[in-house]
Amino acid sequence: MFDFGGGHSVFEEAVLFDRVQQALSPFRNVVLLTALAGLDESICILCTRKYNPGPADIDFHSLFVKHHSNHELAKIVVYTKKNA
């Protein structure tokens, strides 16, 4: 099992993303854990937590949640919060 964490599956360079996509292609269970299907709602949940992954002037939560890499690499998406 590999756990990339929030930002370690984000690749800005297409060549790096392609390499990771090829490396993960044989695996059936590439799972994205996220709070909700709505990206903005998921970001709001993350922002309520005290953990700040970097400088205050960079919105890492939005970057990591909205970046295409996480969604394109995942073969399974698991939502961790039920809609009320």
PDB file of N, CA and C in Angstrom:
ATOM      1  N   MET A   1       0.842  -1.171   0.000  1.00  0.00           N
ATOM      2  CA  MET A   1       0.000   0.000   0.000  1.00  0.00           C
ATOM      3  C   MET A   1       0.892   1.241   0.000  1.00  0.00           C
ATOM      4  N   PHE A   2       0.478   2.231  -0.760  1.00  0.00           N
ATOM      5  CA  PHE A   2       1.156   3.514  -0.818  1.00  0.00           C
ATOM      6  C   PHE A   2       0.168   4.585  -0.376  1.00  0.00           C
ATOM      7  N   ASP A   3       0.634   5.528   0.410  1.00  0.00           N
ATOM      8  CA  ASP A   3      -0.197   6.652   0.840  1.00  0.00           C
ATOM      9  C   ASP A   3       0.519   7.916   0.404  1.00  0.00           C
ATOM     10  N   PHE A   4      -0.029   8.591  -0.598  1.00  0.00           N
ATOM     11  CA  PHE A   4       0.616   9.790  -1.118  1.00  0.00           C
ATOM     12  C   PHE A   4       0.375  11.013  -0.250  1.00  0.00           C
ATOM     13  N   GLY A   5      -0.715  11.051   0.486  1.00  0.00           N
ATOM     14  CA  GLY A   5      -1.038  12.251   1.232  1.00  0.00           C
ATOM     15  C   GLY A   5      -1.598  13.315   0.301  1.00  0.00           C
ATOM     16  N   GLY A   6      -2.009  14.426   0.868  1.00  0.00           N
ATOM     17  CA  GLY A   6      -2.723  15.456   0.124  1.00  0.00           C
ATOM     18  C   GLY A   6      -1.997  16.050  -1.052  1.00  0.00           C
ATOM     19  N   GLY A   7      -0.738  16.347  -0.918  1.00  0.00           N
ATOM     20  CA  GLY A   7      -0.041  17.064  -1.977  1.00  0.00           C
ATOM     21  C   GLY A   7       0.927  16.237  -2.781  1.00  0.00           C
ATOM     22  N   HIS A   8       1.189  15.017  -2.372  1.00  0.00           N
ATOM     23  CA  HIS A   8       2.205  14.221  -3.055  1.00  0.00           C
ATOM     24  C   HIS A   8       1.689  13.541  -4.305  1.00  0.00           C
ATOM     25  N   SER A   9       0.426  13.762  -4.623  1.00  0.00           N
ATOM     26  CA  SER A   9      -0.121  13.224  -5.864  1.00  0.00           C
ATOM     27  C   SER A   9      -0.450  14.342  -6.848  1.00  0.00           C
ATOM     28  N   VAL A  10       0.051  15.536  -6.569  1.00  0.00           N
ATOM     29  CA  VAL A  10      -0.180  16.692  -7.428  1.00  0.00           C
ATOM     30  C   VAL A  10       1.073  16.937  -8.265  1.00  0.00           C
ATOM     31  N   PHE A  11       0.889  16.889  -9.586  1.00  0.00           N
ATOM     32  CA  PHE A  11       2.018  17.052 -10.491  1.00  0.00           C
ATOM     33  C   PHE A  11       1.718  18.166 -11.477  1.00  0.00           C
ATOM     34  N   GLU A  12       2.511  19.212 -11.443  1.00  0.00           N
ATOM     35  CA  GLU A  12       2.319  20.353 -12.336  1.00  0.00           C
ATOM     36  C   GLU A  12       2.866  20.079 -13.729  1.00  0.00           C
ATOM     37  N   GLU A  13       3.898  19.266 -13.828  1.00  0.00           N
ATOM     38  CA  GLU A  13       4.513  18.965 -15.118  1.00  0.00           C
ATOM     39  C   GLU A  13       3.860  17.725 -15.721  1.00  0.00           C
ATOM     40  N   ALA A  14       3.411  17.837 -16.952  1.00  0.00           N
ATOM     41  CA  ALA A  14       2.707  16.741 -17.627  1.00  0.00           C
ATOM     42  C   ALA A  14       3.559  15.472 -17.703  1.00  0.00           C
ATOM     43  N   VAL A  15       4.850  15.622 -17.921  1.00  0.00           N
ATOM     44  CA  VAL A  15       5.715  14.443 -18.052  1.00  0.00           C
ATOM     45  C   VAL A  15       5.777  13.667 -16.728  1.00  0.00           C
ATOM     46  N   LEU A  16       5.800  14.376 -15.607  1.00  0.00           N
ATOM     47  CA  LEU A  16       5.807  13.702 -14.305  1.00  0.00           C
ATOM     48  C   LEU A  16       4.467  13.032 -14.029  1.00  0.00           C
ATOM     49  N   PHE A  17       3.384  13.736 -14.358  1.00  0.00           N
ATOM     50  CA  PHE A  17       2.055  13.150 -14.174  1.00  0.00           C
ATOM     51  C   PHE A  17       1.913  11.882 -15.012  1.00  0.00           C
ATOM     52  N   ASP A  18       2.373  11.917 -16.243  1.00  0.00           N
ATOM     53  CA  ASP A  18       2.295  10.742 -17.119  1.00  0.00           C
ATOM     54  C   ASP A  18       3.073   9.562 -16.540  1.00  0.00           C
ATOM     55  N   ARG A  19       4.237   9.836 -15.976  1.00  0.00           N
ATOM     56  CA  ARG A  19       5.050   8.759 -15.376  1.00  0.00           C
ATOM     57  C   ARG A  19       4.337   8.118 -14.201  1.00  0.00           C
ATOM     58  N   VAL A  20       3.732   8.941 -13.352  1.00  0.00           N
ATOM     59  CA  VAL A  20       3.005   8.410 -12.197  1.00  0.00           C
ATOM     60  C   VAL A  20       1.768   7.646 -12.656  1.00  0.00           C
ATOM     61  N   GLN A  21       1.079   8.184 -13.638  1.00  0.00           N
ATOM     62  CA  GLN A  21      -0.111   7.524 -14.163  1.00  0.00           C
ATOM     63  C   GLN A  21       0.250   6.146 -14.728  1.00  0.00           C
ATOM     64  N   GLN A  22       1.362   6.043 -15.423  1.00  0.00           N
ATOM     65  CA  GLN A  22       1.819   4.761 -15.958  1.00  0.00           C
ATOM     66  C   GLN A  22       2.218   3.813 -14.829  1.00  0.00           C
ATOM     67  N   ALA A  23       2.885   4.343 -13.807  1.00  0.00           N
ATOM     68  CA  ALA A  23       3.323   3.500 -12.688  1.00  0.00           C
ATOM     69  C   ALA A  23       2.131   2.931 -11.913  1.00  0.00           C
ATOM     70  N   LEU A  24       1.050   3.699 -11.823  1.00  0.00           N
ATOM     71  CA  LEU A  24      -0.127   3.247 -11.076  1.00  0.00           C
ATOM     72  C   LEU A  24      -1.110   2.449 -11.927  1.00  0.00           C
ATOM     73  N   SER A  25      -0.923   2.439 -13.222  1.00  0.00           N
ATOM     74  CA  SER A  25      -1.892   1.797 -14.117  1.00  0.00           C
ATOM     75  C   SER A  25      -2.151   0.318 -13.817  1.00  0.00           C
ATOM     76  N   PRO A  26      -1.176  -0.466 -13.367  1.00  0.00           N
ATOM     77  CA  PRO A  26      -1.481  -1.875 -13.103  1.00  0.00           C
ATOM     78  C   PRO A  26      -2.308  -2.108 -11.830  1.00  0.00           C
ATOM     79  N   PHE A  27      -2.428  -1.110 -10.990  1.00  0.00           N
ATOM     80  CA  PHE A  27      -3.112  -1.277  -9.708  1.00  0.00           C
ATOM     81  C   PHE A  27      -4.590  -0.936  -9.831  1.00  0.00           C
ATOM     82  N   ARG A  28      -5.443  -1.857  -9.361  1.00  0.00           N
ATOM     83  CA  ARG A  28      -6.890  -1.639  -9.423  1.00  0.00           C
ATOM     84  C   ARG A  28      -7.368  -0.651  -8.372  1.00  0.00           C
ATOM     85  N   ASN A  29      -6.746  -0.664  -7.224  1.00  0.00           N
ATOM     86  CA  ASN A  29      -7.226   0.110  -6.087  1.00  0.00           C
ATOM     87  C   ASN A  29      -6.398   1.369  -5.854  1.00  0.00           C
ATOM     88  N   VAL A  30      -6.593   2.348  -6.695  1.00  0.00           N
ATOM     89  CA  VAL A  30      -6.003   3.670  -6.498  1.00  0.00           C
ATOM     90  C   VAL A  30      -7.150   4.537  -5.982  1.00  0.00           C
ATOM     91  N   VAL A  31      -7.096   4.855  -4.687  1.00  0.00           N
ATOM     92  CA  VAL A  31      -8.244   5.438  -3.995  1.00  0.00           C
ATOM     93  C   VAL A  31      -7.992   6.898  -3.647  1.00  0.00           C
ATOM     94  N   LEU A  32      -8.985   7.723  -3.924  1.00  0.00           N
ATOM     95  CA  LEU A  32      -8.983   9.124  -3.497  1.00  0.00           C
ATOM     96  C   LEU A  32      -9.959   9.243  -2.337  1.00  0.00           C
ATOM     97  N   LEU A  33      -9.468   9.663  -1.181  1.00  0.00           N
ATOM     98  CA  LEU A  33     -10.325   9.946  -0.028  1.00  0.00           C
ATOM     99  C   LEU A  33     -10.599  11.432  -0.005  1.00  0.00           C
ATOM    100  N   THR A  34     -11.864  11.790   0.023  1.00  0.00           N
ATOM    101  CA  THR A  34     -12.257  13.192   0.070  1.00  0.00           C
ATOM    102  C   THR A  34     -13.540  13.304   0.878  1.00  0.00           C
ATOM    103  N   ALA A  35     -13.785  14.463   1.421  1.00  0.00           N
ATOM    104  CA  ALA A  35     -14.944  14.621   2.294  1.00  0.00           C
ATOM    105  C   ALA A  35     -16.257  14.486   1.536  1.00  0.00           C
ATOM    106  N   LEU A  36     -16.413  15.262   0.481  1.00  0.00           N
ATOM    107  CA  LEU A  36     -17.671  15.302  -0.268  1.00  0.00           C
ATOM    108  C   LEU A  36     -17.384  15.407  -1.752  1.00  0.00           C
ATOM    109  N   ALA A  37     -18.394  15.128  -2.570  1.00  0.00           N
ATOM    110  CA  ALA A  37     -18.233  15.271  -4.013  1.00  0.00           C
ATOM    111  C   ALA A  37     -18.048  16.735  -4.401  1.00  0.00           C
ATOM    112  N   GLY A  38     -18.673  17.639  -3.664  1.00  0.00           N
ATOM    113  CA  GLY A  38     -18.510  19.068  -3.931  1.00  0.00           C
ATOM    114  C   GLY A  38     -17.140  19.545  -3.486  1.00  0.00           C
ATOM    115  N   LEU A  39     -16.361  20.039  -4.423  1.00  0.00           N
ATOM    116  CA  LEU A  39     -14.986  20.430  -4.112  1.00  0.00           C
ATOM    117  C   LEU A  39     -14.934  21.601  -3.135  1.00  0.00           C
ATOM    118  N   ASP A  40     -15.773  22.602  -3.351  1.00  0.00           N
ATOM    119  CA  ASP A  40     -15.755  23.764  -2.457  1.00  0.00           C
ATOM    120  C   ASP A  40     -16.158  23.383  -1.035  1.00  0.00           C
ATOM    121  N   GLU A  41     -17.129  22.479  -0.913  1.00  0.00           N
ATOM    122  CA  GLU A  41     -17.540  22.021   0.418  1.00  0.00           C
ATOM    123  C   GLU A  41     -16.418  21.237   1.099  1.00  0.00           C
ATOM    124  N   SER A  42     -15.707  20.442   0.333  1.00  0.00           N
ATOM    125  CA  SER A  42     -14.570  19.696   0.889  1.00  0.00           C
ATOM    126  C   SER A  42     -13.474  20.646   1.376  1.00  0.00           C
ATOM    127  N   ILE A  43     -13.240  21.704   0.615  1.00  0.00           N
ATOM    128  CA  ILE A  43     -12.237  22.697   1.012  1.00  0.00           C
ATOM    129  C   ILE A  43     -12.658  23.388   2.296  1.00  0.00           C
ATOM    130  N   CYS A  44     -13.930  23.729   2.419  1.00  0.00           N
ATOM    131  CA  CYS A  44     -14.426  24.361   3.651  1.00  0.00           C
ATOM    132  C   CYS A  44     -14.184  23.469   4.868  1.00  0.00           C
ATOM    133  N   ILE A  45     -14.407  22.180   4.711  1.00  0.00           N
ATOM    134  CA  ILE A  45     -14.165  21.245   5.815  1.00  0.00           C
ATOM    135  C   ILE A  45     -12.688  21.245   6.185  1.00  0.00           C
ATOM    136  N   LEU A  46     -11.812  21.199   5.197  1.00  0.00           N
ATOM    137  CA  LEU A  46     -10.376  21.221   5.473  1.00  0.00           C
ATOM    138  C   LEU A  46      -9.958  22.515   6.166  1.00  0.00           C
ATOM    139  N   CYS A  47     -10.563  23.627   5.769  1.00  0.00           N
ATOM    140  CA  CYS A  47     -10.191  24.924   6.338  1.00  0.00           C
ATOM    141  C   CYS A  47     -10.595  25.058   7.801  1.00  0.00           C
ATOM    142  N   THR A  48     -11.529  24.242   8.261  1.00  0.00           N
ATOM    143  CA  THR A  48     -11.926  24.299   9.671  1.00  0.00           C
ATOM    144  C   THR A  48     -10.912  23.603  10.572  1.00  0.00           C
ATOM    145  N   ARG A  49     -10.041  22.833   9.996  1.00  0.00           N
ATOM    146  CA  ARG A  49      -9.015  22.132  10.787  1.00  0.00           C
ATOM    147  C   ARG A  49      -7.866  23.077  11.085  1.00  0.00           C
ATOM    148  N   LYS A  50      -7.166  22.811  12.141  1.00  0.00           N
ATOM    149  CA  LYS A  50      -6.086  23.705  12.572  1.00  0.00           C
ATOM    150  C   LYS A  50      -4.814  23.535  11.756  1.00  0.00           C
ATOM    151  N   TYR A  51      -4.666  22.405  11.099  1.00  0.00           N
ATOM    152  CA  TYR A  51      -3.441  22.135  10.350  1.00  0.00           C
ATOM    153  C   TYR A  51      -3.317  23.075   9.161  1.00  0.00           C
ATOM    154  N   ASN A  52      -2.189  23.733   9.049  1.00  0.00           N
ATOM    155  CA  ASN A  52      -1.899  24.609   7.919  1.00  0.00           C
ATOM    156  C   ASN A  52      -0.657  24.056   7.234  1.00  0.00           C
ATOM    157  N   PRO A  53      -0.814  23.508   6.017  1.00  0.00           N
ATOM    158  CA  PRO A  53       0.317  22.829   5.390  1.00  0.00           C
ATOM    159  C   PRO A  53       1.415  23.722   4.839  1.00  0.00           C
ATOM    160  N   GLY A  54       1.249  25.031   4.912  1.00  0.00           N
ATOM    161  CA  GLY A  54       2.290  25.874   4.351  1.00  0.00           C
ATOM    162  C   GLY A  54       2.071  27.330   4.667  1.00  0.00           C
ATOM    163  N   PRO A  55       2.739  28.208   3.920  1.00  0.00           N
ATOM    164  CA  PRO A  55       2.609  29.642   4.156  1.00  0.00           C
ATOM    165  C   PRO A  55       1.155  30.100   4.041  1.00  0.00           C
ATOM    166  N   ALA A  56       0.790  31.078   4.840  1.00  0.00           N
ATOM    167  CA  ALA A  56      -0.596  31.555   4.884  1.00  0.00           C
ATOM    168  C   ALA A  56      -1.060  32.153   3.566  1.00  0.00           C
ATOM    169  N   ASP A  57      -0.140  32.627   2.733  1.00  0.00           N
ATOM    170  CA  ASP A  57      -0.545  33.267   1.482  1.00  0.00           C
ATOM    171  C   ASP A  57      -0.795  32.275   0.343  1.00  0.00           C
ATOM    172  N   ILE A  58      -0.623  30.989   0.611  1.00  0.00           N
ATOM    173  CA  ILE A  58      -0.886  29.964  -0.405  1.00  0.00           C
ATOM    174  C   ILE A  58      -2.038  29.089   0.081  1.00  0.00           C
ATOM    175  N   ASP A  59      -3.060  28.953  -0.737  1.00  0.00           N
ATOM    176  CA  ASP A  59      -4.222  28.149  -0.390  1.00  0.00           C
ATOM    177  C   ASP A  59      -3.990  26.705  -0.843  1.00  0.00           C
ATOM    178  N   PHE A  60      -3.257  25.954  -0.025  1.00  0.00           N
ATOM    179  CA  PHE A  60      -2.931  24.574  -0.373  1.00  0.00           C
ATOM    180  C   PHE A  60      -4.174  23.696  -0.413  1.00  0.00           C
ATOM    181  N   HIS A  61      -5.142  23.970   0.449  1.00  0.00           N
ATOM    182  CA  HIS A  61      -6.354  23.154   0.446  1.00  0.00           C
ATOM    183  C   HIS A  61      -7.023  23.200  -0.926  1.00  0.00           C
ATOM    184  N   SER A  62      -7.202  24.381  -1.471  1.00  0.00           N
ATOM    185  CA  SER A  62      -7.830  24.504  -2.791  1.00  0.00           C
ATOM    186  C   SER A  62      -6.968  23.867  -3.876  1.00  0.00           C
ATOM    187  N   LEU A  63      -5.680  24.106  -3.814  1.00  0.00           N
ATOM    188  CA  LEU A  63      -4.775  23.525  -4.809  1.00  0.00           C
ATOM    189  C   LEU A  63      -4.880  22.011  -4.824  1.00  0.00           C
ATOM    190  N   PHE A  64      -4.784  21.387  -3.657  1.00  0.00           N
ATOM    191  CA  PHE A  64      -4.770  19.929  -3.598  1.00  0.00           C
ATOM    192  C   PHE A  64      -6.136  19.324  -3.932  1.00  0.00           C
ATOM    193  N   VAL A  65      -7.207  19.927  -3.459  1.00  0.00           N
ATOM    194  CA  VAL A  65      -8.542  19.372  -3.701  1.00  0.00           C
ATOM    195  C   VAL A  65      -8.959  19.542  -5.159  1.00  0.00           C
ATOM    196  N   LYS A  66      -8.645  20.674  -5.759  1.00  0.00           N
ATOM    197  CA  LYS A  66      -9.119  20.956  -7.115  1.00  0.00           C
ATOM    198  C   LYS A  66      -8.171  20.514  -8.226  1.00  0.00           C
ATOM    199  N   HIS A  67      -6.957  20.135  -7.887  1.00  0.00           N
ATOM    200  CA  HIS A  67      -5.990  19.759  -8.924  1.00  0.00           C
ATOM    201  C   HIS A  67      -6.437  18.483  -9.636  1.00  0.00           C
ATOM    202  N   HIS A  68      -6.282  18.475 -10.935  1.00  0.00           N
ATOM    203  CA  HIS A  68      -6.736  17.341 -11.740  1.00  0.00           C
ATOM    204  C   HIS A  68      -6.015  16.035 -11.425  1.00  0.00           C
ATOM    205  N   SER A  69      -4.787  16.103 -10.940  1.00  0.00           N
ATOM    206  CA  SER A  69      -4.006  14.881 -10.718  1.00  0.00           C
ATOM    207  C   SER A  69      -4.730  13.895  -9.811  1.00  0.00           C
ATOM    208  N   ASN A  70      -5.200  14.390  -8.663  1.00  0.00           N
ATOM    209  CA  ASN A  70      -5.853  13.491  -7.709  1.00  0.00           C
ATOM    210  C   ASN A  70      -7.046  12.784  -8.335  1.00  0.00           C
ATOM    211  N   HIS A  71      -7.841  13.510  -9.076  1.00  0.00           N
ATOM    212  CA  HIS A  71      -9.069  12.957  -9.644  1.00  0.00           C
ATOM    213  C   HIS A  71      -8.789  12.049 -10.839  1.00  0.00           C
ATOM    214  N   GLU A  72      -7.786  12.362 -11.610  1.00  0.00           N
ATOM    215  CA  GLU A  72      -7.468  11.528 -12.771  1.00  0.00           C
ATOM    216  C   GLU A  72      -6.714  10.261 -12.393  1.00  0.00           C
ATOM    217  N   LEU A  73      -5.935  10.296 -11.331  1.00  0.00           N
ATOM    218  CA  LEU A  73      -5.213   9.104 -10.905  1.00  0.00           C
ATOM    219  C   LEU A  73      -6.122   8.106 -10.200  1.00  0.00           C
ATOM    220  N   ALA A  74      -7.132   8.606  -9.526  1.00  0.00           N
ATOM    221  CA  ALA A  74      -8.005   7.739  -8.723  1.00  0.00           C
ATOM    222  C   ALA A  74      -8.877   6.854  -9.604  1.00  0.00           C
ATOM    223  N   LYS A  75      -8.971   5.611  -9.208  1.00  0.00           N
ATOM    224  CA  LYS A  75      -9.885   4.682  -9.857  1.00  0.00           C
ATOM    225  C   LYS A  75     -11.118   4.451  -8.977  1.00  0.00           C
ATOM    226  N   ILE A  76     -10.984   4.802  -7.708  1.00  0.00           N
ATOM    227  CA  ILE A  76     -12.067   4.691  -6.732  1.00  0.00           C
ATOM    228  C   ILE A  76     -12.057   5.977  -5.915  1.00  0.00           C
ATOM    229  N   VAL A  77     -13.233   6.546  -5.693  1.00  0.00           N
ATOM    230  CA  VAL A  77     -13.354   7.731  -4.841  1.00  0.00           C
ATOM    231  C   VAL A  77     -14.210   7.357  -3.639  1.00  0.00           C
ATOM    232  N   VAL A  78     -13.692   7.634  -2.449  1.00  0.00           N
ATOM    233  CA  VAL A  78     -14.419   7.363  -1.207  1.00  0.00           C
ATOM    234  C   VAL A  78     -14.702   8.692  -0.530  1.00  0.00           C
ATOM    235  N   TYR A  79     -15.986   8.935  -0.254  1.00  0.00           N
ATOM    236  CA  TYR A  79     -16.403  10.164   0.432  1.00  0.00           C
ATOM    237  C   TYR A  79     -16.511   9.858   1.919  1.00  0.00           C
ATOM    238  N   THR A  80     -15.852  10.668   2.725  1.00  0.00           N
ATOM    239  CA  THR A  80     -15.755  10.379   4.156  1.00  0.00           C
ATOM    240  C   THR A  80     -16.801  11.075   5.003  1.00  0.00           C
ATOM    241  N   LYS A  81     -17.560  11.995   4.419  1.00  0.00           N
ATOM    242  CA  LYS A  81     -18.579  12.718   5.172  1.00  0.00           C
ATOM    243  C   LYS A  81     -19.923  12.522   4.495  1.00  0.00           C
ATOM    244  N   LYS A  82     -20.909  12.183   5.285  1.00  0.00           N
ATOM    245  CA  LYS A  82     -22.257  12.022   4.738  1.00  0.00           C
ATOM    246  C   LYS A  82     -22.914  13.385   4.613  1.00  0.00           C
ATOM    247  N   ASN A  83     -23.654  13.575   3.544  1.00  0.00           N
ATOM    248  CA  ASN A  83     -24.434  14.803   3.397  1.00  0.00           C
ATOM    249  C   ASN A  83     -25.526  14.834   4.459  1.00  0.00           C
ATOM    250  N   ALA A  84     -25.727  16.014   5.049  1.00  0.00           N
ATOM    251  CA  ALA A  84     -26.728  16.132   6.097  1.00  0.00           C
ATOM    252  C   ALA A  84     -28.121  16.264   5.510  1.00  0.00           C
TER     253      ALA A  84
END
